[in-house]
Amino acid sequence: MSSSDDHAGEESRHRRNPIRWLLGFGFFVQGFRGFPWLGANFFLTEQLRVNPSVLQLLQNSANLPMVAKPIYGVVSDSVYFFGQHRIPYIAIGALLQAISWLAIAFLSRSNVSILALSIYLLLSNLGASFVEVANDAIVAEAGKQKASETQSGELPSFVWMASSLGGILGNLLGGIAIKTFSAQSTFLVFGILALLQFLVTINIREKSLNLPENPSPAGIRKHLSDLSHVLRKPEISFSIAWIALSTAVVPVLTGTMFFYQTKFLKIDASLLGISKVFGQIAMLLWGFAYNRWLKSVQPRKLMTAIQVTIAVFVISDLLFVRGVYRDLGVPDSVYVLFFSGFLETLFYFKILPFTVLMARLCPPGCEGSLMAFVMSAIALAFIVSGYLGIVLASFVGVTVDDFSGFTRGLAIEAFCVGIPLILTSWIYDEAETKEKSKKKE
């Protein structure tokens, strides 16, 4: 057979491989989760009348199922259903999300309690965790089949952009739906979309994804042992420690900022939704830029630059709250529209180069476990960051009616963003490692 025939056969197999359809739609739906969550924020503040600290507490506590991702990862690596160990977990996760949001949609018409809402939000994020663990493992496994470092970043960039597109559409429609209909309408729409994801997923066979085959499924104990061995590698453990620390030490004031914008500045829900759209567009452009120009740049350099940029934008928020931009003739609504949503997504920019780094360093057969551990460490870091934000808001004396200490809180947040810059040497740098090896020789 000629090389042209081989090439044609390879292209034909690529077209038949539904991996991009599965991952593209899956990450799009996960990105679209901003749609019901925007509705949940307004439902909590307007109908359940929670204060800023309670809002931020509920937002972060709902993410607790994300912390157990290593357990889901180990289980998905070792427990197979009908010869499959990725597709079933995506299907189960999508179904859990559908049940949760549809239940909230129907219950919210009555006087639903904060406790009931919290339970359904936890169940929804449990389902989202299953989906994300399985999807991340597929991305890591597929990346192993790519020969070069340049190619290995293509699929992560693709799913990043799919998630960003979901975020753009979700936040754009979320503000409109809340203003035109109600916050509850977002729960119903997303519940139906998650149900559609479930139906799509169960009609795909895992063999059609052409993923690397493991010789034989190992038991849970074996996978835990393998994960423990991988995590003892300095290049992996120190890198994970930095990505977690760079988020955990920063006490974010997202709940306070939401109240400041909606209650104090009276910013419209649709404008906040569009602001988040700009943030998601920035994430989409980041995925495109990374795939096109930045894949060859060492992750350490990229993540350091992103951390510095976060600090600059937190300082910008401080100037915004102090009224500096307003004095310069920039309306509050303009600043919120273009910059507020961008800062929220900027915290996630580090994840793309970091997951590519982890996919390169991860040994075969441990993709699901390691990527789940990584994402759970990041999720835990965001939860800790949110809880510290609640403590900080209380420390500076921010309440529903008093935002006088808000600027002091933002100054402390900006200082904390700078702390991880001292420890960037923890991030594995392949070029530096090669240089050290040459010196030893």
Protein backbone atom coordinates (compact mmCIF):
# COMPACT_ATOMS: atom_id res chain seq x y z
CA MET A 1 0.00 0.00 0.00
CA SER A 2 1.36 3.47 -0.91
CA SER A 3 2.05 6.24 1.58
CA SER A 4 -0.78 8.27 0.04
CA ASP A 5 -3.18 5.39 0.71
CA ASP A 6 -1.93 5.20 4.32
CA HIS A 7 -2.47 8.93 4.68
CA ALA A 8 -5.98 8.67 3.21
CA GLY A 9 -6.78 5.79 5.56
CA GLU A 10 -5.54 7.79 8.53
CA GLU A 11 -7.70 10.77 7.54
CA SER A 12 -10.70 8.46 7.14
CA ARG A 13 -10.18 7.03 10.64
CA HIS A 14 -9.81 10.56 12.01
CA ARG A 15 -13.15 11.56 10.47
CA ARG A 16 -14.85 8.51 11.97
CA ASN A 17 -13.36 9.18 15.41
CA PRO A 18 -16.04 11.02 17.42
CA ILE A 19 -13.59 12.21 20.09
CA ARG A 20 -13.77 15.87 19.07
CA TRP A 21 -17.56 15.73 18.92
CA LEU A 22 -17.76 14.06 22.35
CA LEU A 23 -15.25 16.40 23.99
CA GLY A 24 -16.33 19.51 22.11
CA PHE A 25 -19.97 19.12 23.10
CA GLY A 26 -19.05 17.96 26.61
CA PHE A 27 -16.77 20.91 27.34
CA PHE A 28 -19.28 23.28 25.72
CA VAL A 29 -21.97 22.10 28.15
CA GLN A 30 -19.60 22.44 31.10
CA GLY A 31 -18.73 25.96 30.00
CA PHE A 32 -22.45 26.71 29.67
CA ARG A 33 -22.82 26.01 33.42
CA GLY A 34 -22.34 29.74 33.93
CA PHE A 35 -25.89 30.12 32.57
CA PRO A 36 -27.73 28.51 35.53
CA TRP A 37 -25.13 29.71 38.04
CA LEU A 38 -25.75 33.33 37.10
CA GLY A 39 -29.43 32.61 37.70
CA ALA A 40 -28.60 30.96 41.03
CA ASN A 41 -26.73 34.08 42.18
CA PHE A 42 -29.72 36.32 41.46
CA PHE A 43 -32.16 33.78 42.90
CA LEU A 44 -30.18 33.68 46.16
CA THR A 45 -29.84 37.44 46.48
CA GLU A 46 -33.28 38.56 45.28
CA GLN A 47 -35.62 35.78 46.39
CA LEU A 48 -33.81 34.20 49.35
CA ARG A 49 -32.29 37.54 50.47
CA VAL A 50 -28.87 36.17 51.47
CA ASN A 51 -26.04 38.57 52.44
CA PRO A 52 -22.62 38.77 50.65
CA SER A 53 -20.86 36.38 53.04
CA VAL A 54 -23.62 33.74 52.81
CA LEU A 55 -23.65 34.05 49.01
CA GLN A 56 -19.90 33.47 48.78
CA LEU A 57 -20.13 30.65 51.34
CA LEU A 58 -22.79 28.86 49.27
CA GLN A 59 -20.90 29.47 46.01
CA ASN A 60 -17.74 27.87 47.36
CA SER A 61 -19.36 25.12 49.45
CA ALA A 62 -21.21 23.90 46.36
CA ASN A 63 -17.79 23.14 44.85
CA LEU A 64 -16.86 20.66 47.61
CA PRO A 65 -17.62 17.60 45.38
CA MET A 66 -14.82 18.84 43.09
CA VAL A 67 -12.30 18.17 45.89
CA ALA A 68 -12.99 14.41 45.72
CA LYS A 69 -11.96 14.22 42.05
CA PRO A 70 -8.97 11.94 42.77
CA ILE A 71 -11.41 9.31 44.05
CA TYR A 72 -13.49 9.59 40.87
CA GLY A 73 -10.29 9.48 38.81
CA VAL A 74 -8.99 6.33 40.46
CA VAL A 75 -12.41 4.67 40.11
CA SER A 76 -12.71 5.64 36.42
CA ASP A 77 -9.19 4.31 35.76
CA SER A 78 -9.90 0.96 37.39
CA VAL A 79 -13.67 0.23 37.29
CA TYR A 80 -15.05 -0.62 33.84
CA PHE A 81 -18.70 -0.84 32.75
CA PHE A 82 -19.20 -3.16 29.78
CA GLY A 83 -15.56 -2.67 28.76
CA GLN A 84 -15.73 1.12 29.05
CA HIS A 85 -14.30 3.38 31.75
CA ARG A 86 -14.75 6.93 30.43
CA ILE A 87 -18.09 7.12 28.59
CA PRO A 88 -20.18 5.69 31.49
CA TYR A 89 -18.88 8.32 33.91
CA ILE A 90 -19.65 11.14 31.48
CA ALA A 91 -23.18 9.77 31.09
CA ILE A 92 -23.72 9.40 34.85
CA GLY A 93 -22.40 12.92 35.48
CA ALA A 94 -24.62 14.47 32.81
CA LEU A 95 -27.67 12.68 34.21
CA LEU A 96 -26.94 13.88 37.76
CA GLN A 97 -26.70 17.46 36.51
CA ALA A 98 -29.94 17.14 34.57
CA ILE A 99 -31.81 15.77 37.59
CA SER A 100 -30.41 18.47 39.90
CA TRP A 101 -31.16 21.52 37.78
CA LEU A 102 -34.59 20.26 36.68
CA ALA A 103 -35.47 19.63 40.34
CA ILE A 104 -34.39 23.17 41.26
CA ALA A 105 -36.39 24.57 38.34
CA PHE A 106 -39.61 22.95 39.53
CA LEU A 107 -39.05 23.37 43.27
CA SER A 108 -38.07 27.02 43.00
CA ARG A 109 -41.59 27.99 42.06
CA SER A 110 -42.53 27.34 45.68
CA ASN A 111 -40.70 28.62 48.74
CA VAL A 112 -37.55 26.51 48.36
CA SER A 113 -35.18 26.67 51.34
CA ILE A 114 -31.49 27.49 51.23
CA LEU A 115 -30.77 23.96 52.52
CA ALA A 116 -32.71 22.25 49.70
CA LEU A 117 -31.10 24.48 47.09
CA SER A 118 -27.63 23.76 48.53
CA ILE A 119 -28.19 20.00 48.34
CA TYR A 120 -29.22 20.17 44.68
CA LEU A 121 -26.27 22.43 43.84
CA LEU A 122 -23.93 19.93 45.53
CA LEU A 123 -25.49 17.08 43.53
CA SER A 124 -25.10 19.08 40.33
CA ASN A 125 -21.42 19.70 40.99
CA LEU A 126 -20.94 16.03 41.84
CA GLY A 127 -22.21 15.22 38.36
CA ALA A 128 -20.03 17.94 36.84
CA SER A 129 -17.03 16.42 38.64
CA PHE A 130 -17.67 12.99 37.07
CA VAL A 131 -17.90 14.56 33.61
CA GLU A 132 -14.78 16.68 34.03
CA VAL A 133 -12.67 13.79 35.38
CA ALA A 134 -13.59 11.53 32.47
CA ASN A 135 -13.16 14.28 29.87
CA ASP A 136 -9.79 15.37 31.28
CA ALA A 137 -8.60 11.76 31.25
CA ILE A 138 -9.62 11.37 27.59
CA VAL A 139 -7.72 14.55 26.70
CA ALA A 140 -4.61 13.28 28.53
CA GLU A 141 -4.84 9.80 26.95
CA ALA A 142 -5.33 11.20 23.46
CA GLY A 143 -2.38 13.55 24.03
CA LYS A 144 -0.12 10.52 24.57
CA GLN A 145 -0.62 9.58 20.91
CA LYS A 146 0.79 12.91 19.72
CA ALA A 147 4.45 12.73 18.91
CA SER A 148 5.56 16.32 19.36
CA GLU A 149 5.08 18.88 22.11
CA THR A 150 3.49 21.24 19.58
CA GLN A 151 0.82 18.67 18.65
CA SER A 152 0.24 17.66 22.27
CA GLY A 153 -1.34 21.06 22.98
CA GLU A 154 -3.90 20.90 20.16
CA LEU A 155 -6.65 18.91 21.89
CA PRO A 156 -6.35 20.81 25.23
CA SER A 157 -6.61 24.07 23.28
CA PHE A 158 -9.61 22.76 21.33
CA VAL A 159 -11.56 21.73 24.46
CA TRP A 160 -10.56 24.98 26.18
CA MET A 161 -12.08 26.94 23.30
CA ALA A 162 -15.21 24.74 23.32
CA SER A 163 -15.65 25.44 27.04
CA SER A 164 -15.11 29.16 26.42
CA LEU A 165 -17.74 29.17 23.67
CA GLY A 166 -20.18 27.56 26.10
CA GLY A 167 -19.30 30.20 28.66
CA ILE A 168 -19.81 33.02 26.16
CA LEU A 169 -23.22 31.80 25.09
CA GLY A 170 -24.26 30.84 28.63
CA ASN A 171 -23.43 34.20 30.19
CA LEU A 172 -24.81 36.17 27.24
CA LEU A 173 -28.14 34.34 27.34
CA GLY A 174 -28.14 34.15 31.15
CA GLY A 175 -28.44 37.90 31.68
CA ILE A 176 -31.13 38.14 29.00
CA ALA A 177 -33.11 35.16 30.39
CA ILE A 178 -33.04 36.52 33.96
CA LYS A 179 -34.22 39.95 32.84
CA THR A 180 -36.84 38.70 30.35
CA PHE A 181 -38.17 35.66 32.21
CA SER A 182 -36.76 34.72 35.63
CA ALA A 183 -33.73 33.20 37.31
CA GLN A 184 -35.62 29.88 37.46
CA SER A 185 -35.79 29.71 33.65
CA THR A 186 -32.01 29.23 33.51
CA PHE A 187 -32.29 26.10 35.67
CA LEU A 188 -34.84 24.53 33.33
CA VAL A 189 -32.88 25.25 30.14
CA PHE A 190 -29.61 23.87 31.50
CA GLY A 191 -31.35 20.79 32.90
CA ILE A 192 -32.66 19.99 29.41
CA LEU A 193 -29.20 20.60 27.88
CA ALA A 194 -27.56 18.24 30.41
CA LEU A 195 -30.22 15.62 29.59
CA LEU A 196 -29.32 16.00 25.89
CA GLN A 197 -25.65 15.47 26.75
CA PHE A 198 -26.61 12.25 28.54
CA LEU A 199 -28.52 10.98 25.48
CA VAL A 200 -25.67 11.88 23.12
CA THR A 201 -23.05 10.23 25.32
CA ILE A 202 -24.78 6.87 25.73
CA ASN A 203 -24.87 6.53 21.95
CA ILE A 204 -21.06 6.68 21.60
CA ARG A 205 -18.90 3.59 22.06
CA GLU A 206 -15.56 4.10 23.77
CA LYS A 207 -13.74 1.89 21.25
CA SER A 208 -14.56 4.40 18.52
CA LEU A 209 -12.41 7.02 20.29
CA ASN A 210 -9.21 5.08 19.43
CA LEU A 211 -7.69 5.73 22.84
CA PRO A 212 -4.53 3.85 23.95
CA GLU A 213 -5.47 0.45 25.34
CA ASN A 214 -4.31 -0.55 28.80
CA PRO A 215 -3.06 -4.15 28.93
CA SER A 216 -5.56 -5.00 31.67
CA PRO A 217 -7.66 -2.92 34.07
CA ALA A 218 -5.83 -2.71 37.39
CA GLY A 219 -7.63 -2.64 40.71
CA ILE A 220 -8.33 0.47 42.76
CA ARG A 221 -5.52 -0.33 45.21
CA LYS A 222 -3.02 -0.62 42.32
CA HIS A 223 -4.12 2.74 40.89
CA LEU A 224 -3.83 4.39 44.30
CA SER A 225 -0.31 2.99 44.58
CA ASP A 226 0.56 4.23 41.08
CA LEU A 227 -0.87 7.68 41.85
CA SER A 228 1.13 7.84 45.07
CA HIS A 229 4.28 6.94 43.14
CA VAL A 230 3.61 9.61 40.49
CA LEU A 231 2.93 12.29 43.08
CA ARG A 232 6.31 11.60 44.71
CA LYS A 233 8.06 12.81 41.56
CA PRO A 234 9.40 16.32 42.37
CA GLU A 235 8.60 17.74 38.93
CA ILE A 236 4.94 16.81 39.43
CA SER A 237 4.46 17.41 43.16
CA PHE A 238 6.15 20.81 43.25
CA SER A 239 4.30 22.00 40.14
CA ILE A 240 0.94 20.97 41.64
CA ALA A 241 1.88 22.63 44.94
CA TRP A 242 2.55 25.92 43.13
CA ILE A 243 -0.66 25.95 41.04
CA ALA A 244 -2.72 25.22 44.18
CA LEU A 245 -0.86 27.72 46.36
CA SER A 246 -1.06 30.47 43.73
CA THR A 247 -4.85 30.37 44.10
CA ALA A 248 -5.36 29.29 47.72
CA VAL A 249 -3.40 32.17 49.27
CA VAL A 250 -5.51 34.78 47.45
CA PRO A 251 -8.67 35.78 49.41
CA VAL A 252 -11.03 36.62 46.54
CA LEU A 253 -13.96 38.98 47.15
CA THR A 254 -16.28 37.83 44.34
CA GLY A 255 -19.43 37.77 46.50
CA THR A 256 -18.68 41.24 47.84
CA MET A 257 -18.02 42.56 44.34
CA PHE A 258 -21.31 41.06 43.10
CA PHE A 259 -23.21 42.88 45.86
CA TYR A 260 -21.25 46.09 45.29
CA GLN A 261 -22.15 46.06 41.60
CA THR A 262 -25.81 45.01 41.92
CA LYS A 263 -26.90 46.64 45.20
CA PHE A 264 -24.62 49.67 45.55
CA LEU A 265 -24.00 50.61 41.89
CA LYS A 266 -27.37 49.15 40.68
CA ILE A 267 -25.76 47.43 37.69
CA ASP A 268 -28.33 45.60 35.56
CA ALA A 269 -28.34 41.78 35.38
CA SER A 270 -28.02 41.78 31.58
CA LEU A 271 -24.92 44.00 31.80
CA LEU A 272 -23.32 41.62 34.31
CA GLY A 273 -24.11 38.74 31.98
CA ILE A 274 -22.47 40.54 29.05
CA SER A 275 -19.49 41.36 31.28
CA LYS A 276 -18.99 37.65 31.90
CA VAL A 277 -19.28 37.13 28.14
CA PHE A 278 -16.27 39.40 27.63
CA GLY A 279 -14.41 37.26 30.15
CA GLN A 280 -15.31 34.08 28.27
CA ILE A 281 -14.30 35.69 24.96
CA ALA A 282 -10.94 36.42 26.57
CA MET A 283 -10.69 32.73 27.55
CA LEU A 284 -11.54 31.72 23.99
CA LEU A 285 -8.89 34.04 22.57
CA TRP A 286 -6.42 32.74 25.15
CA GLY A 287 -7.04 29.17 23.96
CA PHE A 288 -6.57 30.23 20.35
CA ALA A 289 -3.42 32.25 21.12
CA TYR A 290 -1.94 29.40 23.13
CA ASN A 291 -2.60 26.87 20.38
CA ARG A 292 -1.24 29.19 17.68
CA TRP A 293 1.78 30.86 19.27
CA LEU A 294 2.45 29.83 22.88
CA LYS A 295 2.59 26.01 22.97
CA SER A 296 6.36 26.08 22.70
CA VAL A 297 6.76 28.57 25.56
CA GLN A 298 7.71 26.99 28.87
CA PRO A 299 4.68 26.80 31.24
CA ARG A 300 6.65 28.48 34.03
CA LYS A 301 7.05 31.68 32.01
CA LEU A 302 3.39 31.73 31.00
CA MET A 303 2.02 31.10 34.50
CA THR A 304 4.33 33.71 36.01
CA ALA A 305 3.15 36.29 33.47
CA ILE A 306 -0.49 35.42 34.20
CA GLN A 307 0.03 35.79 37.96
CA VAL A 308 1.52 39.26 37.44
CA THR A 309 -1.42 40.21 35.21
CA ILE A 310 -3.90 39.08 37.90
CA ALA A 311 -2.20 41.36 40.42
CA VAL A 312 -2.47 44.30 38.00
CA PHE A 313 -6.20 43.72 37.50
CA VAL A 314 -6.91 43.36 41.24
CA ILE A 315 -5.20 46.75 41.72
CA SER A 316 -7.39 48.04 38.88
CA ASP A 317 -10.48 46.84 40.79
CA LEU A 318 -9.22 48.73 43.83
CA LEU A 319 -8.98 51.92 41.74
CA PHE A 320 -12.48 51.22 40.39
CA VAL A 321 -14.00 50.95 43.88
CA ARG A 322 -12.18 54.11 44.99
CA GLY A 323 -13.84 55.92 42.08
CA VAL A 324 -10.61 56.79 40.23
CA TYR A 325 -11.96 55.72 36.85
CA ARG A 326 -15.23 57.51 37.53
CA ASP A 327 -13.27 60.73 38.18
CA LEU A 328 -11.48 60.20 34.87
CA GLY A 329 -14.84 60.11 33.08
CA VAL A 330 -15.20 56.32 32.73
CA PRO A 331 -18.73 55.24 33.79
CA ASP A 332 -18.99 52.38 36.29
CA SER A 333 -21.05 50.36 33.80
CA VAL A 334 -18.26 50.59 31.18
CA TYR A 335 -15.63 49.33 33.62
CA VAL A 336 -17.85 46.46 34.79
CA LEU A 337 -18.68 45.55 31.21
CA PHE A 338 -15.10 45.27 29.95
CA PHE A 339 -12.97 44.44 32.98
CA SER A 340 -14.98 42.80 35.76
CA GLY A 341 -15.74 39.54 33.94
CA PHE A 342 -12.22 39.39 32.55
CA LEU A 343 -10.62 39.35 36.01
CA GLU A 344 -12.85 36.45 37.11
CA THR A 345 -11.71 34.31 34.16
CA LEU A 346 -8.07 35.44 34.39
CA PHE A 347 -7.63 33.22 37.48
CA TYR A 348 -8.29 30.22 35.20
CA PHE A 349 -5.78 31.12 32.47
CA LYS A 350 -2.99 29.25 34.29
CA ILE A 351 -4.88 25.97 34.01
CA LEU A 352 -4.37 25.51 30.24
CA PRO A 353 -0.54 25.51 30.17
CA PHE A 354 -0.51 23.60 33.45
CA THR A 355 -2.72 20.74 32.19
CA VAL A 356 -0.55 20.47 29.06
CA LEU A 357 2.51 20.21 31.33
CA MET A 358 0.87 17.52 33.46
CA ALA A 359 -0.22 15.54 30.38
CA ARG A 360 3.42 15.48 29.24
CA LEU A 361 4.73 14.36 32.62
CA CYS A 362 1.99 11.84 33.39
CA PRO A 363 2.98 8.16 32.85
CA PRO A 364 0.60 5.97 30.79
CA GLY A 365 -2.29 4.32 32.64
CA CYS A 366 -2.50 6.99 35.35
CA GLU A 367 -4.03 9.82 33.28
CA GLY A 368 -7.44 9.81 34.93
CA SER A 369 -6.05 9.60 38.47
CA LEU A 370 -3.39 12.29 38.05
CA MET A 371 -5.54 14.77 36.10
CA ALA A 372 -8.35 14.28 38.63
CA PHE A 373 -5.92 14.94 41.48
CA VAL A 374 -4.67 18.07 39.72
CA MET A 375 -8.16 19.44 39.11
CA SER A 376 -9.27 18.61 42.67
CA ALA A 377 -6.22 20.43 44.05
CA ILE A 378 -7.17 23.44 41.94
CA ALA A 379 -10.84 23.17 43.01
CA LEU A 380 -9.83 22.95 46.69
CA ALA A 381 -7.56 25.97 46.20
CA PHE A 382 -10.49 27.99 44.80
CA ILE A 383 -12.69 26.93 47.74
CA VAL A 384 -10.02 27.93 50.26
CA SER A 385 -9.58 31.20 48.36
CA GLY A 386 -13.33 31.85 48.60
CA TYR A 387 -13.48 31.04 52.31
CA LEU A 388 -10.50 33.33 52.96
CA GLY A 389 -12.42 36.01 51.04
CA ILE A 390 -15.32 35.64 53.49
CA VAL A 391 -12.91 36.06 56.41
CA LEU A 392 -11.28 39.06 54.73
CA ALA A 393 -14.64 40.73 54.04
CA SER A 394 -15.54 40.32 57.72
CA PHE A 395 -12.09 41.59 58.79
CA VAL A 396 -12.36 44.81 56.77
CA GLY A 397 -15.98 45.30 57.87
CA VAL A 398 -17.85 44.93 54.58
CA THR A 399 -21.63 44.48 54.93
CA VAL A 400 -24.68 44.80 52.65
CA ASP A 401 -24.92 48.50 53.50
CA ASP A 402 -21.29 49.41 54.21
CA PHE A 403 -18.53 49.04 51.59
CA SER A 404 -16.08 51.50 53.17
CA GLY A 405 -13.55 48.74 53.90
CA PHE A 406 -13.78 47.21 50.42
CA THR A 407 -10.70 49.02 49.03
CA ARG A 408 -8.60 47.84 51.99
CA GLY A 409 -9.73 44.28 51.27
CA LEU A 410 -8.76 44.59 47.60
CA ALA A 411 -5.32 45.95 48.58
CA ILE A 412 -4.76 42.87 50.77
CA GLU A 413 -5.97 40.62 47.91
CA ALA A 414 -3.49 42.26 45.48
CA PHE A 415 -0.62 41.73 47.95
CA CYS A 416 -1.54 38.04 48.31
CA VAL A 417 -1.57 37.56 44.52
CA GLY A 418 2.10 38.58 44.50
CA ILE A 419 3.22 36.02 47.13
CA PRO A 420 3.37 32.97 44.74
CA LEU A 421 5.73 34.88 42.42
CA ILE A 422 8.49 34.21 44.95
CA LEU A 423 8.03 30.45 44.43
CA THR A 424 7.81 30.10 40.62
CA SER A 425 10.95 27.91 40.66
CA TRP A 426 8.63 25.12 41.87
CA ILE A 427 7.08 24.90 38.39
CA TYR A 428 8.86 22.29 36.28
CA ASP A 429 10.88 23.85 33.47
CA GLU A 430 12.13 21.37 30.89
CA ALA A 431 14.70 23.76 29.41
CA GLU A 432 16.18 24.43 32.84
CA THR A 433 16.33 20.71 33.61
CA LYS A 434 18.15 19.96 30.34
CA GLU A 435 20.60 22.77 31.01
CA LYS A 436 21.36 21.39 34.49
CA SER A 437 21.87 17.91 33.02
CA LYS A 438 24.37 19.27 30.49
CA LYS A 439 26.33 21.04 33.23
CA LYS A 440 26.53 17.82 35.24
CA GLU A 441 27.86 15.96 32.19
